[in-house]
Amino acid sequence: MAYATINPYSGETLKSFDDATDAEVREAIGNAHNAFLAWKETGFAERARILQKAADILRQNSDAYAKLLTLEMGKLFSEAQAEVELSAKIFEYYVRNAETLLKPQTLPVLDPAEGNAIVVHEPLGVLLAIEPWNFPYYQIARILAPQLSAGNTVLLKHASNVPQSA
């Protein structure tokens, strides 16, 4: 079954999309896994550079992204602009803080003679994010930024009524 961007004001179909086939889904999972194998070895500085680029792209195209939200879901243009900016700020938060948040942490132990306890954050792999429609860019940023910072890759299944915003 195809899905479409439908202007909520006029009811006009703006663009239609086909559902992914089973083969396309399997291919996407395989591609995400292959990307993970390289991405998990990517250092924090390179991950931060890429996340900053995402924030920059959001800001450079803010009006176009905001307009798309308005067309797809009827969000006020000023609210859509604010969502785009918030999403850019989420990416930048992880640019600044991921390395600190993910560094190994030594925990206190009752008897140091018995050893020590350390929390180590390691990439998990390919994650699936199933997201709602109400804040499309925010929902994506809040999932992608921390997961990419941590060395994971993400497949996204967004709500069908905002296919272009996703």
C-alpha atoms as a PDB file:
ATOM      1  CA  MET A   1       0.000   0.000   0.000  1.00  0.00           C
ATOM      2  CA  ALA A   2       1.442   3.373  -0.971  1.00  0.00           C
ATOM      3  CA  TYR A   3       1.428   6.327   1.378  1.00  0.00           C
ATOM      4  CA  ALA A   4       1.457  10.009   0.620  1.00  0.00           C
ATOM      5  CA  THR A   5       2.081  13.526   1.794  1.00  0.00           C
ATOM      6  CA  ILE A   6      -1.376  15.072   1.971  1.00  0.00           C
ATOM      7  CA  ASN A   7      -1.808  18.758   2.689  1.00  0.00           C
ATOM      8  CA  PRO A   8      -4.022  18.785   5.820  1.00  0.00           C
ATOM      9  CA  TYR A   9      -5.659  22.068   4.792  1.00  0.00           C
ATOM     10  CA  SER A  10      -6.507  21.373   1.171  1.00  0.00           C
ATOM     11  CA  GLY A  11      -6.519  17.569   1.142  1.00  0.00           C
ATOM     12  CA  GLU A  12      -4.266  17.699  -1.926  1.00  0.00           C
ATOM     13  CA  THR A  13      -1.872  14.781  -2.407  1.00  0.00           C
ATOM     14  CA  LEU A  14       1.542  16.404  -2.749  1.00  0.00           C
ATOM     15  CA  LYS A  15       3.690  13.315  -3.224  1.00  0.00           C
ATOM     16  CA  SER A  16       3.205   9.531  -3.087  1.00  0.00           C
ATOM     17  CA  PHE A  17       5.603   6.831  -1.946  1.00  0.00           C
ATOM     18  CA  ASP A  18       5.625   3.051  -2.313  1.00  0.00           C
ATOM     19  CA  ASP A  19       6.063   0.848   0.728  1.00  0.00           C
ATOM     20  CA  ALA A  20       9.430  -0.842   1.022  1.00  0.00           C
ATOM     21  CA  THR A  21       9.439  -4.446  -0.143  1.00  0.00           C
ATOM     22  CA  ASP A  22      10.688  -7.242   2.095  1.00  0.00           C
ATOM     23  CA  ALA A  23      13.829  -7.409  -0.043  1.00  0.00           C
ATOM     24  CA  GLU A  24      14.413  -3.658   0.363  1.00  0.00           C
ATOM     25  CA  VAL A  25      14.007  -3.944   4.138  1.00  0.00           C
ATOM     26  CA  ARG A  26      16.511  -6.821   4.271  1.00  0.00           C
ATOM     27  CA  GLU A  27      18.910  -4.799   2.127  1.00  0.00           C
ATOM     28  CA  ALA A  28      18.539  -1.765   4.415  1.00  0.00           C
ATOM     29  CA  ILE A  29      19.270  -3.899   7.480  1.00  0.00           C
ATOM     30  CA  GLY A  30      22.343  -5.358   5.791  1.00  0.00           C
ATOM     31  CA  ASN A  31      23.568  -1.931   4.722  1.00  0.00           C
ATOM     32  CA  ALA A  32      23.024  -0.544   8.223  1.00  0.00           C
ATOM     33  CA  HIS A  33      24.980  -3.460   9.700  1.00  0.00           C
ATOM     34  CA  ASN A  34      27.849  -2.941   7.259  1.00  0.00           C
ATOM     35  CA  ALA A  35      27.863   0.760   8.104  1.00  0.00           C
ATOM     36  CA  PHE A  36      27.880  -0.125  11.813  1.00  0.00           C
ATOM     37  CA  LEU A  37      31.022  -2.248  11.420  1.00  0.00           C
ATOM     38  CA  ALA A  38      32.913   0.846  10.244  1.00  0.00           C
ATOM     39  CA  TRP A  39      31.028   3.457  12.298  1.00  0.00           C
ATOM     40  CA  LYS A  40      31.701   1.768  15.653  1.00  0.00           C
ATOM     41  CA  GLU A  41      35.428   2.258  14.982  1.00  0.00           C
ATOM     42  CA  THR A  42      34.996   5.933  14.103  1.00  0.00           C
ATOM     43  CA  GLY A  43      36.434   8.268  16.726  1.00  0.00           C
ATOM     44  CA  PHE A  44      34.461  10.856  18.665  1.00  0.00           C
ATOM     45  CA  ALA A  45      35.999  13.742  16.721  1.00  0.00           C
ATOM     46  CA  GLU A  46      34.785  12.387  13.372  1.00  0.00           C
ATOM     47  CA  ARG A  47      31.358  11.509  14.769  1.00  0.00           C
ATOM     48  CA  ALA A  48      31.119  15.042  16.178  1.00  0.00           C
ATOM     49  CA  ARG A  49      32.116  16.530  12.823  1.00  0.00           C
ATOM     50  CA  ILE A  50      29.309  14.647  11.087  1.00  0.00           C
ATOM     51  CA  LEU A  51      26.731  15.550  13.742  1.00  0.00           C
ATOM     52  CA  GLN A  52      27.755  19.195  13.487  1.00  0.00           C
ATOM     53  CA  LYS A  53      27.287  18.989   9.736  1.00  0.00           C
ATOM     54  CA  ALA A  54      23.744  17.690  10.330  1.00  0.00           C
ATOM     55  CA  ALA A  55      23.041  20.668  12.610  1.00  0.00           C
ATOM     56  CA  ASP A  56      24.489  23.036  10.017  1.00  0.00           C
ATOM     57  CA  ILE A  57      22.354  21.552   7.228  1.00  0.00           C
ATOM     58  CA  LEU A  58      19.222  21.910   9.342  1.00  0.00           C
ATOM     59  CA  ARG A  59      19.999  25.578   9.932  1.00  0.00           C
ATOM     60  CA  GLN A  60      21.024  26.319   6.339  1.00  0.00           C
ATOM     61  CA  ASN A  61      17.735  24.901   5.067  1.00  0.00           C
ATOM     62  CA  SER A  62      15.578  25.862   8.029  1.00  0.00           C
ATOM     63  CA  ASP A  63      12.846  27.595   6.059  1.00  0.00           C
ATOM     64  CA  ALA A  64      12.515  24.743   3.557  1.00  0.00           C
ATOM     65  CA  TYR A  65      12.300  22.146   6.337  1.00  0.00           C
ATOM     66  CA  ALA A  66       9.807  24.286   8.246  1.00  0.00           C
ATOM     67  CA  LYS A  67       7.684  24.716   5.120  1.00  0.00           C
ATOM     68  CA  LEU A  68       7.625  20.953   4.652  1.00  0.00           C
ATOM     69  CA  LEU A  69       6.307  20.493   8.199  1.00  0.00           C
ATOM     70  CA  THR A  70       3.621  23.071   7.504  1.00  0.00           C
ATOM     71  CA  LEU A  71       2.591  21.327   4.271  1.00  0.00           C
ATOM     72  CA  GLU A  72       2.630  17.806   5.714  1.00  0.00           C
ATOM     73  CA  MET A  73       1.036  18.323   9.092  1.00  0.00           C
ATOM     74  CA  GLY A  74      -0.311  21.848   9.270  1.00  0.00           C
ATOM     75  CA  LYS A  75       2.163  23.021  11.894  1.00  0.00           C
ATOM     76  CA  LEU A  76       2.453  26.792  12.157  1.00  0.00           C
ATOM     77  CA  PHE A  77       5.512  27.992  10.245  1.00  0.00           C
ATOM     78  CA  SER A  78       7.037  29.677  13.326  1.00  0.00           C
ATOM     79  CA  GLU A  79       6.576  26.469  15.357  1.00  0.00           C
ATOM     80  CA  ALA A  80       8.106  24.450  12.538  1.00  0.00           C
ATOM     81  CA  GLN A  81      11.124  26.784  12.456  1.00  0.00           C
ATOM     82  CA  ALA A  82      11.504  26.342  16.222  1.00  0.00           C
ATOM     83  CA  GLU A  83      11.416  22.553  15.827  1.00  0.00           C
ATOM     84  CA  VAL A  84      14.145  22.668  13.191  1.00  0.00           C
ATOM     85  CA  GLU A  85      16.309  24.836  15.476  1.00  0.00           C
ATOM     86  CA  LEU A  86      15.692  22.565  18.481  1.00  0.00           C
ATOM     87  CA  SER A  87      16.740  19.579  16.376  1.00  0.00           C
ATOM     88  CA  ALA A  88      19.976  21.324  15.379  1.00  0.00           C
ATOM     89  CA  LYS A  89      20.651  22.082  19.055  1.00  0.00           C
ATOM     90  CA  ILE A  90      20.175  18.414  19.971  1.00  0.00           C
ATOM     91  CA  PHE A  91      22.838  17.412  17.450  1.00  0.00           C
ATOM     92  CA  GLU A  92      25.148  20.099  18.853  1.00  0.00           C
ATOM     93  CA  TYR A  93      24.584  18.935  22.427  1.00  0.00           C
ATOM     94  CA  TYR A  94      26.043  15.564  21.492  1.00  0.00           C
ATOM     95  CA  VAL A  95      28.832  17.210  19.496  1.00  0.00           C
ATOM     96  CA  ARG A  96      29.909  18.932  22.727  1.00  0.00           C
ATOM     97  CA  ASN A  97      29.121  16.223  25.278  1.00  0.00           C
ATOM     98  CA  ALA A  98      29.193  12.703  23.811  1.00  0.00           C
ATOM     99  CA  GLU A  99      32.826  11.978  24.551  1.00  0.00           C
ATOM    100  CA  THR A 100      32.415  12.992  28.201  1.00  0.00           C
ATOM    101  CA  LEU A 101      29.084  11.192  28.612  1.00  0.00           C
ATOM    102  CA  LEU A 102      30.460   7.975  27.140  1.00  0.00           C
ATOM    103  CA  LYS A 103      33.870   7.836  28.803  1.00  0.00           C
ATOM    104  CA  PRO A 104      34.468   4.851  31.099  1.00  0.00           C
ATOM    105  CA  GLN A 105      33.441   5.472  34.702  1.00  0.00           C
ATOM    106  CA  THR A 106      35.070   3.899  37.712  1.00  0.00           C
ATOM    107  CA  LEU A 107      32.553   2.950  40.382  1.00  0.00           C
ATOM    108  CA  PRO A 108      33.215   2.731  44.113  1.00  0.00           C
ATOM    109  CA  VAL A 109      33.641  -0.774  45.517  1.00  0.00           C
ATOM    110  CA  LEU A 110      33.353  -2.003  49.088  1.00  0.00           C
ATOM    111  CA  ASP A 111      36.748  -3.695  49.120  1.00  0.00           C
ATOM    112  CA  PRO A 112      39.304  -2.369  46.603  1.00  0.00           C
ATOM    113  CA  ALA A 113      41.466  -5.410  47.295  1.00  0.00           C
ATOM    114  CA  GLU A 114      38.864  -7.521  45.492  1.00  0.00           C
ATOM    115  CA  GLY A 115      39.128  -5.489  42.303  1.00  0.00           C
ATOM    116  CA  ASN A 116      37.444  -2.536  40.710  1.00  0.00           C
ATOM    117  CA  ALA A 117      34.251  -1.810  38.835  1.00  0.00           C
ATOM    118  CA  ILE A 118      34.179   0.154  35.608  1.00  0.00           C
ATOM    119  CA  VAL A 119      31.198   1.068  33.435  1.00  0.00           C
ATOM    120  CA  VAL A 120      32.185   0.962  29.766  1.00  0.00           C
ATOM    121  CA  HIS A 121      29.831   2.109  27.006  1.00  0.00           C
ATOM    122  CA  GLU A 122      30.147   0.062  23.821  1.00  0.00           C
ATOM    123  CA  PRO A 123      28.223   0.343  20.544  1.00  0.00           C
ATOM    124  CA  LEU A 124      25.358  -2.150  20.267  1.00  0.00           C
ATOM    125  CA  GLY A 125      24.739  -2.336  16.521  1.00  0.00           C
ATOM    126  CA  VAL A 126      21.795  -1.473  14.312  1.00  0.00           C
ATOM    127  CA  LEU A 127      18.832   0.012  16.158  1.00  0.00           C
ATOM    128  CA  LEU A 128      15.289   0.404  14.854  1.00  0.00           C
ATOM    129  CA  ALA A 129      13.500   3.641  15.736  1.00  0.00           C
ATOM    130  CA  ILE A 130       9.723   3.742  15.264  1.00  0.00           C
ATOM    131  CA  GLU A 131       8.662   7.348  15.601  1.00  0.00           C
ATOM    132  CA  PRO A 132       5.386   9.279  15.933  1.00  0.00           C
ATOM    133  CA  TRP A 133       4.289  12.106  13.652  1.00  0.00           C
ATOM    134  CA  ASN A 134       3.835  15.125  15.904  1.00  0.00           C
ATOM    135  CA  PHE A 135       7.433  16.447  15.997  1.00  0.00           C
ATOM    136  CA  PRO A 136       9.156  14.715  13.067  1.00  0.00           C
ATOM    137  CA  TYR A 137      12.546  16.456  13.111  1.00  0.00           C
ATOM    138  CA  TYR A 138      12.774  16.498  16.898  1.00  0.00           C
ATOM    139  CA  GLN A 139      11.878  12.797  17.109  1.00  0.00           C
ATOM    140  CA  ILE A 140      14.614  11.951  14.624  1.00  0.00           C
ATOM    141  CA  ALA A 141      17.259  14.173  16.247  1.00  0.00           C
ATOM    142  CA  ARG A 142      16.604  12.864  19.764  1.00  0.00           C
ATOM    143  CA  ILE A 143      17.180   9.293  18.542  1.00  0.00           C
ATOM    144  CA  LEU A 144      19.907   9.781  15.940  1.00  0.00           C
ATOM    145  CA  ALA A 145      22.230  12.141  17.805  1.00  0.00           C
ATOM    146  CA  PRO A 146      22.862   9.999  20.903  1.00  0.00           C
ATOM    147  CA  GLN A 147      22.919   6.717  18.992  1.00  0.00           C
ATOM    148  CA  LEU A 148      25.305   7.911  16.297  1.00  0.00           C
ATOM    149  CA  SER A 149      27.469   9.493  19.007  1.00  0.00           C
ATOM    150  CA  ALA A 150      27.624   6.134  20.765  1.00  0.00           C
ATOM    151  CA  GLY A 151      28.735   4.328  17.605  1.00  0.00           C
ATOM    152  CA  ASN A 152      25.421   2.723  16.671  1.00  0.00           C
ATOM    153  CA  THR A 153      23.575   2.906  13.373  1.00  0.00           C
ATOM    154  CA  VAL A 154      19.838   3.509  13.121  1.00  0.00           C
ATOM    155  CA  LEU A 155      17.043   2.449  10.807  1.00  0.00           C
ATOM    156  CA  LEU A 156      14.029   4.732  10.977  1.00  0.00           C
ATOM    157  CA  LYS A 157      10.367   3.848  10.534  1.00  0.00           C
ATOM    158  CA  HIS A 158       8.582   7.150  10.807  1.00  0.00           C
ATOM    159  CA  ALA A 159       4.872   7.840  10.810  1.00  0.00           C
ATOM    160  CA  SER A 160       3.367   7.504   7.354  1.00  0.00           C
ATOM    161  CA  ASN A 161       1.627  10.888   7.447  1.00  0.00           C
ATOM    162  CA  VAL A 162       4.941  12.806   7.509  1.00  0.00           C
ATOM    163  CA  PRO A 163       7.035  10.837   5.008  1.00  0.00           C
ATOM    164  CA  GLN A 164       9.032  13.753   3.639  1.00  0.00           C
ATOM    165  CA  SER A 165       9.824  15.242   7.041  1.00  0.00           C
ATOM    166  CA  ALA A 166      11.283  11.937   8.075  1.00  0.00           C
END
